[in-house]
């Protein structure tokens, strides 16, 4: 499981991604700690968290080549970027074309709407039930759920509005959320990996804040996980 948590807070004039950095093998062994978010700090600020079995660096390269500079271009070109990244993964990561899966959760600043826009896009509906492949869905939040968590209320509390900065602090509460996700068992959605491995969140936890002025990133924590070993959250 990759922990990519996206939420926008229009009242606070910002959108956020809270993500871990663990890259694991199929058997759950920690291979490396790597940022899983592609971002742009120029004229069109965005941050996009990457899930699936396509290495984040491969997706970052594909985004850079696309040179997306507006919300309209993002919606139009993102499916092409995903397909290009998946095709590269079949070469660089030796994945079969049928095995490559990619899911995105992102935030972009929409200058026309004057607010942050949250969105998801997946290559396979199994990664986000109800979503058609390569289709842009606008949403105010999308969290990484663990086994048994049916609703957002199960994860952050029934009386907490994650889109309200007065009720959910991105840094403080975002860290609490991903710490909880790390210790909860979760069955991965990628068929080609060991389904018995329930803990894959680790490395570091990063927070990305998207505003009209750019993207600001910070490290929330650094877990004591060891390369070459399976993640032990406790």
Protein backbone atom coordinates (compact mmCIF):
# COMPACT_ATOMS: atom_id res chain seq x y z
CA UNK A 1 0.00 0.00 0.00
CA UNK A 2 1.15 3.49 -0.81
CA UNK A 3 -0.19 6.24 1.40
CA UNK A 4 -1.20 9.10 -0.87
CA UNK A 5 -3.67 11.42 0.86
CA UNK A 6 -5.01 14.38 -1.08
CA UNK A 7 -7.35 17.09 0.16
CA UNK A 8 -8.15 20.69 -0.70
CA UNK A 9 -9.08 23.47 1.70
CA UNK A 10 -10.56 26.33 -0.35
CA UNK A 11 -11.11 28.39 2.79
CA UNK A 12 -7.38 28.20 3.47
CA UNK A 13 -6.54 28.87 -0.20
CA UNK A 14 -4.49 25.67 -0.46
CA UNK A 15 -4.54 22.00 -1.38
CA UNK A 16 -2.39 19.27 0.17
CA UNK A 17 -0.83 15.87 -0.37
CA UNK A 18 0.52 13.78 2.50
CA UNK A 19 2.53 10.82 1.22
CA UNK A 20 5.02 8.18 2.30
CA UNK A 21 8.21 7.29 0.40
CA UNK A 22 8.51 3.49 0.59
CA UNK A 23 9.24 1.61 -2.64
CA UNK A 24 8.84 -2.12 -1.93
CA UNK A 25 9.38 -5.29 -3.91
CA UNK A 26 6.50 -7.70 -4.57
CA UNK A 27 7.31 -9.58 -1.36
CA UNK A 28 7.20 -6.40 0.75
CA UNK A 29 10.96 -5.85 1.07
CA UNK A 30 11.86 -2.15 1.23
CA UNK A 31 13.90 -1.38 -1.88
CA UNK A 32 14.32 2.39 -1.51
CA UNK A 33 12.87 5.56 -0.02
CA UNK A 34 11.76 7.88 -2.81
CA UNK A 35 9.42 10.87 -3.04
CA UNK A 36 6.18 9.83 -4.74
CA UNK A 37 4.94 13.25 -5.79
CA UNK A 38 5.52 15.09 -9.07
CA UNK A 39 5.15 18.85 -8.76
CA UNK A 40 5.51 22.07 -10.68
CA UNK A 41 6.33 25.41 -9.05
CA UNK A 42 6.11 27.61 -12.13
CA UNK A 43 3.17 29.42 -13.71
CA UNK A 44 0.88 26.44 -13.10
CA UNK A 45 1.41 25.02 -9.59
CA UNK A 46 0.44 21.39 -9.11
CA UNK A 47 1.40 18.33 -7.07
CA UNK A 48 0.48 14.78 -8.11
CA UNK A 49 0.91 11.73 -5.90
CA UNK A 50 1.72 8.42 -7.61
CA UNK A 51 0.43 4.97 -6.65
CA UNK A 52 0.65 1.60 -8.38
CA UNK A 53 3.71 -0.25 -9.65
CA UNK A 54 5.09 2.44 -11.96
CA UNK A 55 8.14 4.02 -10.33
CA UNK A 56 7.48 7.68 -9.39
CA UNK A 57 10.63 8.83 -11.20
CA UNK A 58 9.28 7.37 -14.45
CA UNK A 59 6.07 9.34 -14.03
CA UNK A 60 7.97 12.53 -13.16
CA UNK A 61 9.95 12.24 -16.41
CA UNK A 62 6.74 11.79 -18.40
CA UNK A 63 5.16 14.85 -16.73
CA UNK A 64 8.23 16.93 -17.49
CA UNK A 65 8.12 15.95 -21.14
CA UNK A 66 4.44 16.94 -21.36
CA UNK A 67 5.17 20.53 -20.23
CA UNK A 68 1.67 21.07 -18.84
CA UNK A 69 1.00 24.76 -18.13
CA UNK A 70 -2.75 25.06 -17.47
CA UNK A 71 -5.71 23.22 -16.01
CA UNK A 72 -7.10 22.67 -19.51
CA UNK A 73 -3.84 21.08 -20.64
CA UNK A 74 -3.70 18.97 -17.47
CA UNK A 75 -7.11 17.44 -18.07
CA UNK A 76 -6.38 16.85 -21.77
CA UNK A 77 -2.80 15.52 -21.53
CA UNK A 78 -2.80 13.54 -18.28
CA UNK A 79 -4.10 10.31 -19.89
CA UNK A 80 -1.28 10.52 -22.46
CA UNK A 81 1.25 11.09 -19.69
CA UNK A 82 -0.01 8.05 -17.78
CA UNK A 83 0.15 5.82 -20.85
CA UNK A 84 3.67 7.05 -21.63
CA UNK A 85 4.82 6.35 -18.06
CA UNK A 86 3.27 2.87 -18.10
CA UNK A 87 4.94 2.09 -21.43
CA UNK A 88 8.31 3.21 -20.03
CA UNK A 89 7.76 1.05 -16.95
CA UNK A 90 7.47 -2.05 -19.11
CA UNK A 91 11.03 -1.34 -20.26
CA UNK A 92 12.73 0.20 -17.23
CA UNK A 93 11.01 -1.97 -14.60
CA UNK A 94 10.53 -5.07 -16.75
CA UNK A 95 6.76 -5.06 -16.25
CA UNK A 96 4.50 -6.84 -18.68
CA UNK A 97 2.10 -4.41 -20.41
CA UNK A 98 -0.83 -6.10 -18.68
CA UNK A 99 0.82 -5.69 -15.25
CA UNK A 100 1.51 -1.94 -15.28
CA UNK A 101 -0.91 -0.03 -13.08
CA UNK A 102 -0.87 3.66 -12.24
CA UNK A 103 -3.05 5.80 -10.00
CA UNK A 104 -2.85 9.55 -9.43
CA UNK A 105 -4.16 11.84 -6.71
CA UNK A 106 -3.37 15.47 -7.30
CA UNK A 107 -3.95 19.13 -6.55
CA UNK A 108 -3.61 21.99 -9.03
CA UNK A 109 -4.24 25.69 -8.64
CA UNK A 110 -7.00 26.78 -11.02
CA UNK A 111 -6.42 30.46 -11.74
CA UNK A 112 -9.77 30.75 -13.51
CA UNK A 113 -11.70 29.35 -10.54
CA UNK A 114 -9.30 31.05 -8.09
CA UNK A 115 -9.07 27.97 -5.91
CA UNK A 116 -7.22 24.66 -5.52
CA UNK A 117 -8.72 21.74 -7.45
CA UNK A 118 -8.31 18.16 -6.28
CA UNK A 119 -8.50 15.26 -8.72
CA UNK A 120 -7.91 11.54 -9.25
CA UNK A 121 -7.15 9.46 -12.34
CA UNK A 122 -6.44 5.73 -12.58
CA UNK A 123 -5.45 3.24 -15.24
CA UNK A 124 -7.55 0.48 -13.68
CA UNK A 125 -10.85 0.85 -11.74
CA UNK A 126 -9.54 -1.57 -9.09
CA UNK A 127 -7.35 1.26 -7.81
CA UNK A 128 -10.31 3.58 -7.20
CA UNK A 129 -13.72 1.88 -7.42
CA UNK A 130 -16.22 3.80 -9.50
CA UNK A 131 -13.62 5.51 -11.70
CA UNK A 132 -13.36 4.82 -15.40
CA UNK A 133 -9.80 4.33 -16.72
CA UNK A 134 -7.88 7.46 -17.78
CA UNK A 135 -10.75 9.76 -16.80
CA UNK A 136 -10.25 13.00 -14.88
CA UNK A 137 -12.39 13.16 -11.74
CA UNK A 138 -12.50 16.34 -9.69
CA UNK A 139 -12.83 15.70 -5.94
CA UNK A 140 -12.07 17.60 -2.75
CA UNK A 141 -10.30 14.66 -1.13
CA UNK A 142 -9.05 11.12 -1.70
CA UNK A 143 -7.45 9.17 1.12
CA UNK A 144 -5.61 5.87 1.31
CA UNK A 145 -7.96 3.52 3.17
CA UNK A 146 -6.88 0.54 5.24
CA UNK A 147 -8.71 -2.76 5.62
CA UNK A 148 -12.00 -2.24 7.43
CA UNK A 149 -12.11 1.54 6.96
CA UNK A 150 -15.26 2.03 4.92
CA UNK A 151 -15.60 5.80 5.22
CA UNK A 152 -13.47 8.87 5.82
CA UNK A 153 -15.15 9.15 9.21
CA UNK A 154 -13.63 5.77 10.13
CA UNK A 155 -10.19 7.28 9.54
CA UNK A 156 -10.30 10.84 10.85
CA UNK A 157 -13.46 11.00 12.98
CA UNK A 158 -17.13 11.60 12.24
CA UNK A 159 -17.05 15.27 13.23
CA UNK A 160 -13.91 16.25 11.31
CA UNK A 161 -14.13 18.01 7.94
CA UNK A 162 -10.82 17.42 6.19
CA UNK A 163 -11.54 20.29 3.78
CA UNK A 164 -11.83 22.82 6.62
CA UNK A 165 -8.47 24.16 7.88
CA UNK A 166 -10.08 25.05 11.21
CA UNK A 167 -10.97 21.39 11.80
CA UNK A 168 -8.06 19.59 10.10
CA UNK A 169 -4.54 20.96 10.31
CA UNK A 170 -2.59 19.69 7.29
CA UNK A 171 0.71 19.34 9.13
CA UNK A 172 -0.37 18.17 12.59
CA UNK A 173 -3.40 16.08 11.65
CA UNK A 174 -1.88 14.95 8.36
CA UNK A 175 1.00 13.38 10.29
CA UNK A 176 -1.43 11.68 12.68
CA UNK A 177 -3.35 10.27 9.72
CA UNK A 178 -0.36 8.77 7.94
CA UNK A 179 1.07 7.41 11.20
CA UNK A 180 -2.22 5.59 11.72
CA UNK A 181 -2.26 4.35 8.12
CA UNK A 182 1.24 2.98 8.61
CA UNK A 183 0.27 0.66 11.46
CA UNK A 184 -3.11 -0.45 10.07
CA UNK A 185 -3.15 -3.60 7.88
CA UNK A 186 -4.00 -2.99 4.25
CA UNK A 187 -4.31 -5.37 1.32
CA UNK A 188 -2.60 -3.96 -1.75
CA UNK A 189 -4.67 -3.46 -4.91
CA UNK A 190 -1.93 -4.64 -7.29
CA UNK A 191 -2.56 -8.30 -8.25
CA UNK A 192 1.09 -9.11 -9.01
CA UNK A 193 2.34 -8.55 -5.43
CA UNK A 194 2.15 -10.68 -2.29
CA UNK A 195 -1.35 -10.10 -0.88
CA UNK A 196 -0.27 -11.43 2.52
CA UNK A 197 2.00 -8.41 3.11
CA UNK A 198 -0.15 -5.84 4.91
CA UNK A 199 2.40 -3.12 5.74
CA UNK A 200 4.13 -1.17 2.97
CA UNK A 201 4.03 2.44 4.26
CA UNK A 202 7.42 3.73 5.32
CA UNK A 203 10.62 5.61 4.54
CA UNK A 204 9.59 9.19 5.19
CA UNK A 205 6.33 11.14 5.29
CA UNK A 206 6.16 14.30 3.16
CA UNK A 207 3.66 17.14 3.04
CA UNK A 208 3.07 19.16 -0.14
CA UNK A 209 1.07 22.41 -0.06
CA UNK A 210 -0.22 23.84 -3.33
CA UNK A 211 -1.19 27.53 -3.53
CA UNK A 212 -1.41 30.12 -6.30
CA UNK A 213 2.18 31.06 -5.42
CA UNK A 214 3.69 27.61 -5.92
CA UNK A 215 4.27 24.28 -4.19
CA UNK A 216 5.87 24.01 -0.76
CA UNK A 217 7.23 20.67 0.46
CA UNK A 218 8.40 19.53 3.89
CA UNK A 219 9.32 16.32 5.68
CA UNK A 220 6.89 15.37 8.43
CA UNK A 221 8.81 12.39 9.80
CA UNK A 222 11.53 9.85 9.05
CA UNK A 223 10.67 6.28 10.05
CA UNK A 224 13.46 3.87 11.09
CA UNK A 225 12.88 1.43 8.23
CA UNK A 226 15.85 -0.47 6.81
CA UNK A 227 16.56 -1.01 3.12
CA UNK A 228 16.54 -4.74 2.34
CA UNK A 229 14.06 -5.58 5.13
CA UNK A 230 10.31 -5.72 5.34
CA UNK A 231 8.55 -2.79 7.00
CA UNK A 232 7.71 -3.36 10.67
CA UNK A 233 5.42 -0.47 11.63
CA UNK A 234 5.61 -1.06 15.38
